[in-house]
Amino acid sequence: MLDSMGVMHVAARDRGVSTRKDSARYAKIVEWSDEDQCYVGSAPALIPGGCHGPDEKEVFAELPEIVEEAIALYREDGKPLPTTYGQPRLR
């Protein structure tokens, strides 16, 4: 796509660069809950409890979609997204 100066711009995905979803910014945790007798998934900086179920892998697989939905709700309400500060980072 050419801009007003005649410069070609190519989207990151068209250059072979992966584009991350916003949900990737938030740590996702799956823990066993003795109280609920199931696995509980959360993204602590964004949602305290997002999903639960008997299978750890299935709960973890659901988390990114739930986080994306929470992000969409923040945006619809005009609220700023919570920061991800304080989360451990791999170096």
C-alpha atoms as a PDB file:
ATOM      1  CA  MET A   1       0.000   0.000   0.000  1.00  0.00           C
ATOM      2  CA  LEU A   2       1.402   3.420  -0.957  1.00  0.00           C
ATOM      3  CA  ASP A   3       1.076   6.340   1.411  1.00  0.00           C
ATOM      4  CA  SER A   4       0.690   9.995   0.399  1.00  0.00           C
ATOM      5  CA  MET A   5       4.479  10.247  -0.153  1.00  0.00           C
ATOM      6  CA  GLY A   6       4.510   7.226  -2.468  1.00  0.00           C
ATOM      7  CA  VAL A   7       6.231   5.000   0.107  1.00  0.00           C
ATOM      8  CA  MET A   8       5.253   1.330   0.080  1.00  0.00           C
ATOM      9  CA  HIS A   9       4.080  -0.014   3.450  1.00  0.00           C
ATOM     10  CA  VAL A  10       3.787  -3.727   4.045  1.00  0.00           C
ATOM     11  CA  ALA A  11       1.922  -5.155   7.025  1.00  0.00           C
ATOM     12  CA  ALA A  12       4.036  -7.107   9.516  1.00  0.00           C
ATOM     13  CA  ARG A  13       2.152 -10.310   8.755  1.00  0.00           C
ATOM     14  CA  ASP A  14       2.981  -9.888   5.041  1.00  0.00           C
ATOM     15  CA  ARG A  15       6.704  -9.648   5.877  1.00  0.00           C
ATOM     16  CA  GLY A  16       6.650 -12.934   7.760  1.00  0.00           C
ATOM     17  CA  VAL A  17       6.712 -11.187  11.137  1.00  0.00           C
ATOM     18  CA  SER A  18       4.400 -12.718  13.680  1.00  0.00           C
ATOM     19  CA  THR A  19       1.930 -10.372  15.301  1.00  0.00           C
ATOM     20  CA  ARG A  20       1.151 -11.027  18.948  1.00  0.00           C
ATOM     21  CA  LYS A  21      -2.285 -10.806  20.394  1.00  0.00           C
ATOM     22  CA  ASP A  22      -2.752  -8.483  23.346  1.00  0.00           C
ATOM     23  CA  SER A  23      -3.466 -11.513  25.520  1.00  0.00           C
ATOM     24  CA  ALA A  24       0.205 -12.504  25.191  1.00  0.00           C
ATOM     25  CA  ARG A  25       1.132  -9.588  27.475  1.00  0.00           C
ATOM     26  CA  TYR A  26      -0.557 -11.205  30.459  1.00  0.00           C
ATOM     27  CA  ALA A  27       0.677 -14.193  32.462  1.00  0.00           C
ATOM     28  CA  LYS A  28      -1.765 -17.077  32.527  1.00  0.00           C
ATOM     29  CA  ILE A  29      -1.907 -19.457  35.458  1.00  0.00           C
ATOM     30  CA  VAL A  30      -3.711 -22.751  35.931  1.00  0.00           C
ATOM     31  CA  GLU A  31      -3.921 -24.112  39.478  1.00  0.00           C
ATOM     32  CA  TRP A  32      -5.725 -26.975  41.146  1.00  0.00           C
ATOM     33  CA  SER A  33      -8.430 -25.801  43.550  1.00  0.00           C
ATOM     34  CA  ASP A  34      -9.099 -28.140  46.463  1.00  0.00           C
ATOM     35  CA  GLU A  35     -12.179 -26.090  47.282  1.00  0.00           C
ATOM     36  CA  ASP A  36     -13.660 -26.422  43.778  1.00  0.00           C
ATOM     37  CA  GLN A  37     -12.103 -29.828  42.990  1.00  0.00           C
ATOM     38  CA  CYS A  38     -11.051 -28.669  39.543  1.00  0.00           C
ATOM     39  CA  TYR A  39      -8.414 -26.619  37.736  1.00  0.00           C
ATOM     40  CA  VAL A  40      -8.916 -22.855  37.781  1.00  0.00           C
ATOM     41  CA  GLY A  41      -7.354 -20.620  35.137  1.00  0.00           C
ATOM     42  CA  SER A  42      -6.636 -16.943  35.616  1.00  0.00           C
ATOM     43  CA  ALA A  43      -4.622 -13.995  34.356  1.00  0.00           C
ATOM     44  CA  PRO A  44      -3.973 -12.231  37.691  1.00  0.00           C
ATOM     45  CA  ALA A  45      -3.174  -8.794  36.256  1.00  0.00           C
ATOM     46  CA  LEU A  46      -6.407  -8.809  34.254  1.00  0.00           C
ATOM     47  CA  ILE A  47      -8.929 -11.335  35.578  1.00  0.00           C
ATOM     48  CA  PRO A  48      -8.798 -13.127  38.953  1.00  0.00           C
ATOM     49  CA  GLY A  49     -10.590 -16.248  37.747  1.00  0.00           C
ATOM     50  CA  GLY A  50     -11.437 -16.884  34.154  1.00  0.00           C
ATOM     51  CA  CYS A  51     -12.281 -20.520  33.604  1.00  0.00           C
ATOM     52  CA  HIS A  52     -12.290 -23.875  35.293  1.00  0.00           C
ATOM     53  CA  GLY A  53     -12.582 -27.538  34.458  1.00  0.00           C
ATOM     54  CA  PRO A  54     -11.329 -31.057  35.151  1.00  0.00           C
ATOM     55  CA  ASP A  55      -8.538 -31.009  32.526  1.00  0.00           C
ATOM     56  CA  GLU A  56      -5.505 -28.757  33.093  1.00  0.00           C
ATOM     57  CA  LYS A  57      -4.580 -28.520  29.396  1.00  0.00           C
ATOM     58  CA  GLU A  58      -8.119 -27.637  28.324  1.00  0.00           C
ATOM     59  CA  VAL A  59      -8.350 -24.906  30.966  1.00  0.00           C
ATOM     60  CA  PHE A  60      -5.012 -23.466  29.821  1.00  0.00           C
ATOM     61  CA  ALA A  61      -6.117 -23.610  26.174  1.00  0.00           C
ATOM     62  CA  GLU A  62      -9.234 -21.539  27.006  1.00  0.00           C
ATOM     63  CA  LEU A  63      -7.360 -18.748  28.788  1.00  0.00           C
ATOM     64  CA  PRO A  64      -6.091 -16.701  25.800  1.00  0.00           C
ATOM     65  CA  GLU A  65      -9.604 -16.358  24.373  1.00  0.00           C
ATOM     66  CA  ILE A  66     -11.007 -15.345  27.763  1.00  0.00           C
ATOM     67  CA  VAL A  67      -8.211 -12.806  28.208  1.00  0.00           C
ATOM     68  CA  GLU A  68      -8.913 -11.377  24.727  1.00  0.00           C
ATOM     69  CA  GLU A  69     -12.613 -11.073  25.665  1.00  0.00           C
ATOM     70  CA  ALA A  70     -11.694  -9.258  28.898  1.00  0.00           C
ATOM     71  CA  ILE A  71      -9.432  -6.889  26.940  1.00  0.00           C
ATOM     72  CA  ALA A  72     -12.279  -6.190  24.514  1.00  0.00           C
ATOM     73  CA  LEU A  73     -14.589  -5.333  27.432  1.00  0.00           C
ATOM     74  CA  TYR A  74     -12.017  -2.934  28.902  1.00  0.00           C
ATOM     75  CA  ARG A  75     -11.785  -1.214  25.527  1.00  0.00           C
ATOM     76  CA  GLU A  76     -15.560  -1.078  25.020  1.00  0.00           C
ATOM     77  CA  ASP A  77     -15.888   0.574  28.428  1.00  0.00           C
ATOM     78  CA  GLY A  78     -13.096   3.024  27.599  1.00  0.00           C
ATOM     79  CA  LYS A  79     -10.976   1.777  30.512  1.00  0.00           C
ATOM     80  CA  PRO A  80      -7.186   1.518  30.332  1.00  0.00           C
ATOM     81  CA  LEU A  81      -5.774  -1.981  30.360  1.00  0.00           C
ATOM     82  CA  PRO A  82      -4.145  -3.062  33.624  1.00  0.00           C
ATOM     83  CA  THR A  83      -0.368  -2.984  33.534  1.00  0.00           C
ATOM     84  CA  THR A  84       1.637  -6.150  33.438  1.00  0.00           C
ATOM     85  CA  TYR A  85       4.259  -4.736  35.828  1.00  0.00           C
ATOM     86  CA  GLY A  86       5.365  -6.996  38.601  1.00  0.00           C
ATOM     87  CA  GLN A  87       5.044 -10.156  36.562  1.00  0.00           C
ATOM     88  CA  PRO A  88       8.169 -12.277  36.312  1.00  0.00           C
ATOM     89  CA  ARG A  89      10.026 -11.932  33.022  1.00  0.00           C
ATOM     90  CA  LEU A  90      12.310 -14.426  31.383  1.00  0.00           C
ATOM     91  CA  ARG A  91      15.658 -13.027  30.303  1.00  0.00           C
END
